[in-house]
Amino acid sequence: MTDARDRLIVGLDVASLEEADAMVARLGEAVTFYKIGFELAVAGGLTLAERLARSGKKVFVDLKLHDIGQTVEKATRQVARLGATFLTVHAYPQTMRAAAEGRGDSGLQILAVTVLTSWDADDVRAAGFSDSPAELVERRVGHARDAGVDGVICAPTDLASVRRIAPRPFLAVTPGVRPAGAALGDQKRVATPGDAIRAGADRLVVARPILSADDPRAAAEAIVAEIDEASRGLT
């Protein structure tokens, strides 16, 4: 079973490398896995990804790629060279197949984004889909499974259907995780860390509840403890 500490991915959702380095230093050994998204990536975060990987940390490069197949394949190959563990692409069949090809025999795992956790039914309709969020997730999970990627990014509320369509070792990585009593921010489909683990999440992505805490390390350790307790209850 994966160690509880490795099941928490802290999103470095900050604006500069200096802020990211300072947060990594504050969190120390409490955190083993970091996510670098768009904001930090365009501020030089891909060099940080490589540096973190070389230091022994795991890195999730959250770029949500979606382009013509050749471009996605070549970009994926570049991310694999950084030593990253995860890369996200949007869950369109051609995009996913291209990313799976681009990772080659590296250790990079491809995760497909199903429906953003900030979207609800109105957002899905506004994007031109007739499906409900749950229906669209189910369709995209099936596409991801068939395209040969390693897993999906999904809301905690979608985990039951993900596990029904694509059992482990297919991965379910879950943002939209908030400790009990935490502000939801722009997230609409959420769960506590323990509930997400019990529902079938492999790893949880948490940013603001840790980054904005008075003591980020203590906040991370509290989530790891909740993950560990929930995991033990499943054995």
C-alpha atoms as a PDB file:
ATOM      1  CA  MET A   1       0.000   0.000   0.000  1.00  0.00           C
ATOM      2  CA  THR A   2       1.252   3.496  -0.831  1.00  0.00           C
ATOM      3  CA  ASP A   3       2.524   5.392   2.200  1.00  0.00           C
ATOM      4  CA  ALA A   4       0.019   7.982   3.426  1.00  0.00           C
ATOM      5  CA  ARG A   5       2.558  10.780   2.951  1.00  0.00           C
ATOM      6  CA  ASP A   6       2.916   9.890  -0.741  1.00  0.00           C
ATOM      7  CA  ARG A   7      -0.850  10.068  -1.200  1.00  0.00           C
ATOM      8  CA  LEU A   8      -0.931  13.814  -0.501  1.00  0.00           C
ATOM      9  CA  ILE A   9       0.054  16.066  -3.415  1.00  0.00           C
ATOM     10  CA  VAL A  10       0.528  19.686  -2.425  1.00  0.00           C
ATOM     11  CA  GLY A  11      -0.326  22.140  -5.183  1.00  0.00           C
ATOM     12  CA  LEU A  12       2.292  24.870  -5.408  1.00  0.00           C
ATOM     13  CA  ASP A  13      -0.270  27.387  -6.627  1.00  0.00           C
ATOM     14  CA  VAL A  14       1.955  30.426  -6.164  1.00  0.00           C
ATOM     15  CA  ALA A  15       3.189  33.123  -8.536  1.00  0.00           C
ATOM     16  CA  SER A  16       6.965  32.791  -8.354  1.00  0.00           C
ATOM     17  CA  LEU A  17       9.803  30.338  -7.908  1.00  0.00           C
ATOM     18  CA  GLU A  18      10.848  32.212  -4.788  1.00  0.00           C
ATOM     19  CA  GLU A  19       7.448  31.622  -3.172  1.00  0.00           C
ATOM     20  CA  ALA A  20       7.491  27.986  -4.238  1.00  0.00           C
ATOM     21  CA  ASP A  21      10.986  27.386  -2.855  1.00  0.00           C
ATOM     22  CA  ALA A  22      10.024  29.046   0.423  1.00  0.00           C
ATOM     23  CA  MET A  23       6.929  26.828   0.756  1.00  0.00           C
ATOM     24  CA  VAL A  24       8.873  23.656  -0.041  1.00  0.00           C
ATOM     25  CA  ALA A  25      11.387  24.628   2.647  1.00  0.00           C
ATOM     26  CA  ARG A  26       8.610  25.268   5.195  1.00  0.00           C
ATOM     27  CA  LEU A  27       6.948  21.926   4.466  1.00  0.00           C
ATOM     28  CA  GLY A  28      10.204  19.981   4.648  1.00  0.00           C
ATOM     29  CA  GLU A  29       9.883  16.233   5.054  1.00  0.00           C
ATOM     30  CA  ALA A  30       6.145  16.500   5.781  1.00  0.00           C
ATOM     31  CA  VAL A  31       5.490  16.522   2.013  1.00  0.00           C
ATOM     32  CA  THR A  32       6.929  14.198  -0.619  1.00  0.00           C
ATOM     33  CA  PHE A  33       4.792  15.073  -3.656  1.00  0.00           C
ATOM     34  CA  TYR A  34       4.200  18.469  -5.314  1.00  0.00           C
ATOM     35  CA  LYS A  35       1.998  19.733  -8.146  1.00  0.00           C
ATOM     36  CA  ILE A  36       3.183  22.455 -10.518  1.00  0.00           C
ATOM     37  CA  GLY A  37       0.347  24.015 -12.486  1.00  0.00           C
ATOM     38  CA  PHE A  38       0.010  26.673 -15.191  1.00  0.00           C
ATOM     39  CA  GLU A  39       0.733  29.742 -13.079  1.00  0.00           C
ATOM     40  CA  LEU A  40       4.014  28.457 -11.696  1.00  0.00           C
ATOM     41  CA  ALA A  41       4.972  26.655 -14.917  1.00  0.00           C
ATOM     42  CA  VAL A  42       4.993  29.898 -16.901  1.00  0.00           C
ATOM     43  CA  ALA A  43       7.026  31.520 -14.112  1.00  0.00           C
ATOM     44  CA  GLY A  44       9.813  28.966 -14.531  1.00  0.00           C
ATOM     45  CA  GLY A  45       8.226  26.103 -12.662  1.00  0.00           C
ATOM     46  CA  LEU A  46       9.392  23.402 -15.057  1.00  0.00           C
ATOM     47  CA  THR A  47      12.965  23.981 -13.915  1.00  0.00           C
ATOM     48  CA  LEU A  48      11.689  23.599 -10.362  1.00  0.00           C
ATOM     49  CA  ALA A  49       9.979  20.351 -11.349  1.00  0.00           C
ATOM     50  CA  GLU A  50      13.289  18.937 -12.532  1.00  0.00           C
ATOM     51  CA  ARG A  51      15.080  20.164  -9.412  1.00  0.00           C
ATOM     52  CA  LEU A  52      12.470  18.652  -7.091  1.00  0.00           C
ATOM     53  CA  ALA A  53      12.623  15.328  -8.926  1.00  0.00           C
ATOM     54  CA  ARG A  54      16.402  15.241  -8.633  1.00  0.00           C
ATOM     55  CA  SER A  55      16.116  15.908  -4.886  1.00  0.00           C
ATOM     56  CA  GLY A  56      13.931  12.837  -4.436  1.00  0.00           C
ATOM     57  CA  LYS A  57      10.506  14.475  -4.418  1.00  0.00           C
ATOM     58  CA  LYS A  58       7.691  13.331  -6.693  1.00  0.00           C
ATOM     59  CA  VAL A  59       6.307  15.911  -9.112  1.00  0.00           C
ATOM     60  CA  PHE A  60       2.939  16.279 -10.806  1.00  0.00           C
ATOM     61  CA  VAL A  61       3.133  18.570 -13.862  1.00  0.00           C
ATOM     62  CA  ASP A  62      -0.425  19.823 -14.276  1.00  0.00           C
ATOM     63  CA  LEU A  63      -0.490  21.343 -17.761  1.00  0.00           C
ATOM     64  CA  LYS A  64      -3.773  19.837 -18.986  1.00  0.00           C
ATOM     65  CA  LEU A  65      -2.414  19.439 -22.505  1.00  0.00           C
ATOM     66  CA  HIS A  66      -4.816  19.474 -25.445  1.00  0.00           C
ATOM     67  CA  ASP A  67      -3.555  20.075 -28.971  1.00  0.00           C
ATOM     68  CA  ILE A  68      -2.928  18.170 -32.172  1.00  0.00           C
ATOM     69  CA  GLY A  69      -1.551  14.717 -31.519  1.00  0.00           C
ATOM     70  CA  GLN A  70       2.014  15.363 -32.665  1.00  0.00           C
ATOM     71  CA  THR A  71       2.339  18.424 -30.441  1.00  0.00           C
ATOM     72  CA  VAL A  72       0.994  16.579 -27.399  1.00  0.00           C
ATOM     73  CA  GLU A  73       3.305  13.633 -28.039  1.00  0.00           C
ATOM     74  CA  LYS A  74       6.391  15.845 -28.271  1.00  0.00           C
ATOM     75  CA  ALA A  75       5.426  17.932 -25.219  1.00  0.00           C
ATOM     76  CA  THR A  76       4.848  14.771 -23.200  1.00  0.00           C
ATOM     77  CA  ARG A  77       8.291  13.519 -24.169  1.00  0.00           C
ATOM     78  CA  GLN A  78       9.795  16.749 -22.846  1.00  0.00           C
ATOM     79  CA  VAL A  79       7.963  16.446 -19.521  1.00  0.00           C
ATOM     80  CA  ALA A  80       9.161  12.848 -19.173  1.00  0.00           C
ATOM     81  CA  ARG A  81      12.747  14.113 -19.376  1.00  0.00           C
ATOM     82  CA  LEU A  82      12.156  16.251 -16.282  1.00  0.00           C
ATOM     83  CA  GLY A  83      11.694  13.156 -14.130  1.00  0.00           C
ATOM     84  CA  ALA A  84       8.057  13.968 -13.351  1.00  0.00           C
ATOM     85  CA  THR A  85       5.702  11.297 -11.987  1.00  0.00           C
ATOM     86  CA  PHE A  86       2.380  12.636 -13.363  1.00  0.00           C
ATOM     87  CA  LEU A  87       1.309  14.764 -16.326  1.00  0.00           C
ATOM     88  CA  THR A  88      -2.255  15.846 -17.082  1.00  0.00           C
ATOM     89  CA  VAL A  89      -3.942  16.005 -20.469  1.00  0.00           C
ATOM     90  CA  HIS A  90      -7.572  16.644 -21.315  1.00  0.00           C
ATOM     91  CA  ALA A  91      -9.633  13.487 -21.760  1.00  0.00           C
ATOM     92  CA  TYR A  92     -10.038  13.580 -25.539  1.00  0.00           C
ATOM     93  CA  PRO A  93      -9.140  10.264 -27.203  1.00  0.00           C
ATOM     94  CA  GLN A  94      -6.594  11.579 -29.712  1.00  0.00           C
ATOM     95  CA  THR A  95      -4.909  13.708 -27.045  1.00  0.00           C
ATOM     96  CA  MET A  96      -4.695  10.810 -24.596  1.00  0.00           C
ATOM     97  CA  ARG A  97      -3.325   8.388 -27.169  1.00  0.00           C
ATOM     98  CA  ALA A  98      -0.671  10.914 -28.193  1.00  0.00           C
ATOM     99  CA  ALA A  99       0.410  11.446 -24.592  1.00  0.00           C
ATOM    100  CA  ALA A 100       0.574   7.697 -23.971  1.00  0.00           C
ATOM    101  CA  GLU A 101       2.835   7.414 -27.011  1.00  0.00           C
ATOM    102  CA  GLY A 102       4.982  10.345 -25.918  1.00  0.00           C
ATOM    103  CA  ARG A 103       5.763   8.993 -22.475  1.00  0.00           C
ATOM    104  CA  GLY A 104       7.471   5.973 -24.091  1.00  0.00           C
ATOM    105  CA  ASP A 105       9.094   3.682 -21.544  1.00  0.00           C
ATOM    106  CA  SER A 106       9.732   6.484 -19.039  1.00  0.00           C
ATOM    107  CA  GLY A 107       8.255   6.434 -15.563  1.00  0.00           C
ATOM    108  CA  LEU A 108       5.863   9.263 -16.411  1.00  0.00           C
ATOM    109  CA  GLN A 109       2.183   8.453 -15.807  1.00  0.00           C
ATOM    110  CA  ILE A 110      -0.532  10.186 -17.813  1.00  0.00           C
ATOM    111  CA  LEU A 111      -3.685  11.389 -16.069  1.00  0.00           C
ATOM    112  CA  ALA A 112      -6.707  12.554 -18.048  1.00  0.00           C
ATOM    113  CA  VAL A 113      -8.818  15.436 -16.773  1.00  0.00           C
ATOM    114  CA  THR A 114     -12.494  14.440 -16.842  1.00  0.00           C
ATOM    115  CA  VAL A 115     -14.613  17.407 -15.665  1.00  0.00           C
ATOM    116  CA  LEU A 116     -13.045  20.237 -13.693  1.00  0.00           C
ATOM    117  CA  THR A 117     -14.026  20.267 -10.016  1.00  0.00           C
ATOM    118  CA  SER A 118     -15.044  23.921 -10.361  1.00  0.00           C
ATOM    119  CA  TRP A 119     -17.725  22.940 -12.916  1.00  0.00           C
ATOM    120  CA  ASP A 120     -21.331  22.121 -12.097  1.00  0.00           C
ATOM    121  CA  ALA A 121     -24.265  21.220 -14.363  1.00  0.00           C
ATOM    122  CA  ASP A 122     -24.693  24.812 -15.566  1.00  0.00           C
ATOM    123  CA  ASP A 123     -21.029  24.989 -16.572  1.00  0.00           C
ATOM    124  CA  VAL A 124     -21.242  21.696 -18.469  1.00  0.00           C
ATOM    125  CA  ARG A 125     -24.305  22.921 -20.380  1.00  0.00           C
ATOM    126  CA  ALA A 126     -22.633  26.264 -21.123  1.00  0.00           C
ATOM    127  CA  ALA A 127     -19.705  24.358 -22.648  1.00  0.00           C
ATOM    128  CA  GLY A 128     -22.098  22.728 -25.108  1.00  0.00           C
ATOM    129  CA  PHE A 129     -22.517  19.282 -23.563  1.00  0.00           C
ATOM    130  CA  SER A 130     -25.932  17.692 -23.117  1.00  0.00           C
ATOM    131  CA  ASP A 131     -24.595  15.302 -20.446  1.00  0.00           C
ATOM    132  CA  SER A 132     -24.789  15.908 -16.744  1.00  0.00           C
ATOM    133  CA  PRO A 133     -21.362  16.271 -15.069  1.00  0.00           C
ATOM    134  CA  ALA A 134     -21.614  12.665 -13.840  1.00  0.00           C
ATOM    135  CA  GLU A 135     -22.510  11.349 -17.303  1.00  0.00           C
ATOM    136  CA  LEU A 136     -19.669  13.262 -18.937  1.00  0.00           C
ATOM    137  CA  VAL A 137     -17.208  11.937 -16.355  1.00  0.00           C
ATOM    138  CA  GLU A 138     -18.317   8.353 -16.976  1.00  0.00           C
ATOM    139  CA  ARG A 139     -17.932   8.711 -20.726  1.00  0.00           C
ATOM    140  CA  ARG A 140     -14.478  10.227 -20.388  1.00  0.00           C
ATOM    141  CA  VAL A 141     -13.301   7.600 -17.902  1.00  0.00           C
ATOM    142  CA  GLY A 142     -14.200   4.919 -20.434  1.00  0.00           C
ATOM    143  CA  HIS A 143     -12.273   6.789 -23.130  1.00  0.00           C
ATOM    144  CA  ALA A 144      -9.267   7.152 -20.808  1.00  0.00           C
ATOM    145  CA  ARG A 145      -9.249   3.474 -19.934  1.00  0.00           C
ATOM    146  CA  ASP A 146      -9.389   2.530 -23.616  1.00  0.00           C
ATOM    147  CA  ALA A 147      -6.728   5.072 -24.663  1.00  0.00           C
ATOM    148  CA  GLY A 148      -4.075   3.483 -22.470  1.00  0.00           C
ATOM    149  CA  VAL A 149      -3.441   6.309 -20.025  1.00  0.00           C
ATOM    150  CA  ASP A 150      -2.741   5.568 -16.377  1.00  0.00           C
ATOM    151  CA  GLY A 151      -5.675   7.233 -14.684  1.00  0.00           C
ATOM    152  CA  VAL A 152      -7.916  10.258 -14.375  1.00  0.00           C
ATOM    153  CA  ILE A 153      -8.339  13.456 -12.453  1.00  0.00           C
ATOM    154  CA  CYS A 154     -11.849  13.513 -11.038  1.00  0.00           C
ATOM    155  CA  ALA A 155     -13.915  15.133  -8.333  1.00  0.00           C
ATOM    156  CA  PRO A 156     -14.402  13.206  -5.092  1.00  0.00           C
ATOM    157  CA  THR A 157     -18.089  12.902  -5.923  1.00  0.00           C
ATOM    158  CA  ASP A 158     -17.218  10.954  -9.098  1.00  0.00           C
ATOM    159  CA  LEU A 159     -15.022   8.297  -7.481  1.00  0.00           C
ATOM    160  CA  ALA A 160     -17.669   5.582  -7.218  1.00  0.00           C
ATOM    161  CA  SER A 161     -18.378   5.667 -10.950  1.00  0.00           C
ATOM    162  CA  VAL A 162     -14.664   5.843 -11.799  1.00  0.00           C
ATOM    163  CA  ARG A 163     -13.950   2.726  -9.761  1.00  0.00           C
ATOM    164  CA  ARG A 164     -16.899   0.911 -11.352  1.00  0.00           C
ATOM    165  CA  ILE A 165     -15.728   1.667 -14.895  1.00  0.00           C
ATOM    166  CA  ALA A 166     -11.959   1.412 -14.351  1.00  0.00           C
ATOM    167  CA  PRO A 167     -10.833  -0.561 -11.288  1.00  0.00           C
ATOM    168  CA  ARG A 168      -7.298  -0.327  -9.894  1.00  0.00           C
ATOM    169  CA  PRO A 169      -4.482  -0.226 -10.918  1.00  0.00           C
ATOM    170  CA  PHE A 170      -6.126   2.556 -12.985  1.00  0.00           C
ATOM    171  CA  LEU A 171      -5.493   5.684 -10.926  1.00  0.00           C
ATOM    172  CA  ALA A 172      -7.996   8.165  -9.529  1.00  0.00           C
ATOM    173  CA  VAL A 173      -6.350  11.413  -8.417  1.00  0.00           C
ATOM    174  CA  THR A 174      -8.662  13.837  -6.701  1.00  0.00           C
ATOM    175  CA  PRO A 175      -8.592  17.615  -6.324  1.00  0.00           C
ATOM    176  CA  GLY A 176     -11.519  19.397  -4.723  1.00  0.00           C
ATOM    177  CA  VAL A 177     -10.426  18.096  -1.316  1.00  0.00           C
ATOM    178  CA  ARG A 178     -11.137  20.295   1.669  1.00  0.00           C
ATOM    179  CA  PRO A 179     -10.623  19.502   5.376  1.00  0.00           C
ATOM    180  CA  ALA A 180     -13.797  19.742   7.431  1.00  0.00           C
ATOM    181  CA  GLY A 181     -14.708  23.395   7.960  1.00  0.00           C
ATOM    182  CA  ALA A 182     -12.355  24.762   5.280  1.00  0.00           C
ATOM    183  CA  ALA A 183     -13.559  27.348   2.770  1.00  0.00           C
ATOM    184  CA  LEU A 184     -14.604  25.861  -0.589  1.00  0.00           C
ATOM    185  CA  GLY A 185     -13.241  28.693  -2.737  1.00  0.00           C
ATOM    186  CA  ASP A 186     -14.118  28.008  -6.395  1.00  0.00           C
ATOM    187  CA  GLN A 187     -14.587  24.271  -5.847  1.00  0.00           C
ATOM    188  CA  LYS A 188     -18.116  22.901  -6.278  1.00  0.00           C
ATOM    189  CA  ARG A 189     -17.781  19.091  -6.021  1.00  0.00           C
ATOM    190  CA  VAL A 190     -15.738  18.421  -2.896  1.00  0.00           C
ATOM    191  CA  ALA A 191     -15.074  16.004  -0.018  1.00  0.00           C
ATOM    192  CA  THR A 192     -12.899  15.775   3.069  1.00  0.00           C
ATOM    193  CA  PRO A 193      -9.579  13.911   2.756  1.00  0.00           C
ATOM    194  CA  GLY A 194     -10.856  10.892   4.664  1.00  0.00           C
ATOM    195  CA  ASP A 195     -14.070  10.656   2.665  1.00  0.00           C
ATOM    196  CA  ALA A 196     -12.147  10.875  -0.635  1.00  0.00           C
ATOM    197  CA  ILE A 197      -9.794   8.054   0.381  1.00  0.00           C
ATOM    198  CA  ARG A 198     -12.687   5.878   1.536  1.00  0.00           C
ATOM    199  CA  ALA A 199     -14.465   6.522  -1.781  1.00  0.00           C
ATOM    200  CA  GLY A 200     -11.492   5.173  -3.741  1.00  0.00           C
ATOM    201  CA  ALA A 201      -9.037   8.018  -4.379  1.00  0.00           C
ATOM    202  CA  ASP A 202      -5.415   7.000  -4.825  1.00  0.00           C
ATOM    203  CA  ARG A 203      -3.973  10.456  -4.238  1.00  0.00           C
ATOM    204  CA  LEU A 204      -5.362  13.808  -3.131  1.00  0.00           C
ATOM    205  CA  VAL A 205      -4.376  17.230  -4.448  1.00  0.00           C
ATOM    206  CA  VAL A 206      -4.580  19.997  -1.844  1.00  0.00           C
ATOM    207  CA  ALA A 207      -3.349  23.574  -2.242  1.00  0.00           C
ATOM    208  CA  ARG A 208      -5.094  26.460  -0.498  1.00  0.00           C
ATOM    209  CA  PRO A 209      -5.913  24.733   2.814  1.00  0.00           C
ATOM    210  CA  ILE A 210      -2.170  24.101   3.221  1.00  0.00           C
ATOM    211  CA  LEU A 211      -0.621  27.144   1.540  1.00  0.00           C
ATOM    212  CA  SER A 212      -2.853  29.625   3.373  1.00  0.00           C
ATOM    213  CA  ALA A 213      -2.564  27.960   6.791  1.00  0.00           C
ATOM    214  CA  ASP A 214      -0.745  29.741   9.606  1.00  0.00           C
ATOM    215  CA  ASP A 215       1.389  26.603   9.896  1.00  0.00           C
ATOM    216  CA  PRO A 216       1.468  24.881   6.479  1.00  0.00           C
ATOM    217  CA  ARG A 217       3.519  21.955   7.746  1.00  0.00           C
ATOM    218  CA  ALA A 218       1.044  21.228  10.537  1.00  0.00           C
ATOM    219  CA  ALA A 219      -1.843  21.492   8.056  1.00  0.00           C
ATOM    220  CA  ALA A 220      -0.145  18.995   5.736  1.00  0.00           C
ATOM    221  CA  GLU A 221       0.616  16.614   8.572  1.00  0.00           C
ATOM    222  CA  ALA A 222      -3.020  16.739   9.721  1.00  0.00           C
ATOM    223  CA  ILE A 223      -4.195  15.751   6.233  1.00  0.00           C
ATOM    224  CA  VAL A 224      -1.628  12.935   6.051  1.00  0.00           C
ATOM    225  CA  ALA A 225      -2.887  11.656   9.410  1.00  0.00           C
ATOM    226  CA  GLU A 226      -6.474  11.713   8.122  1.00  0.00           C
ATOM    227  CA  ILE A 227      -5.396   9.857   4.970  1.00  0.00           C
ATOM    228  CA  ASP A 228      -3.592   7.256   7.061  1.00  0.00           C
ATOM    229  CA  GLU A 229      -6.594   6.717   9.338  1.00  0.00           C
ATOM    230  CA  ALA A 230      -8.973   6.356   6.394  1.00  0.00           C
ATOM    231  CA  SER A 231      -6.579   3.978   4.619  1.00  0.00           C
ATOM    232  CA  ARG A 232      -6.250   1.739   7.647  1.00  0.00           C
ATOM    233  CA  GLY A 233     -10.009   1.498   7.831  1.00  0.00           C
ATOM    234  CA  LEU A 234     -10.038  -0.036   4.354  1.00  0.00           C
ATOM    235  CA  THR A 235      -7.637  -2.885   5.148  1.00  0.00           C
END
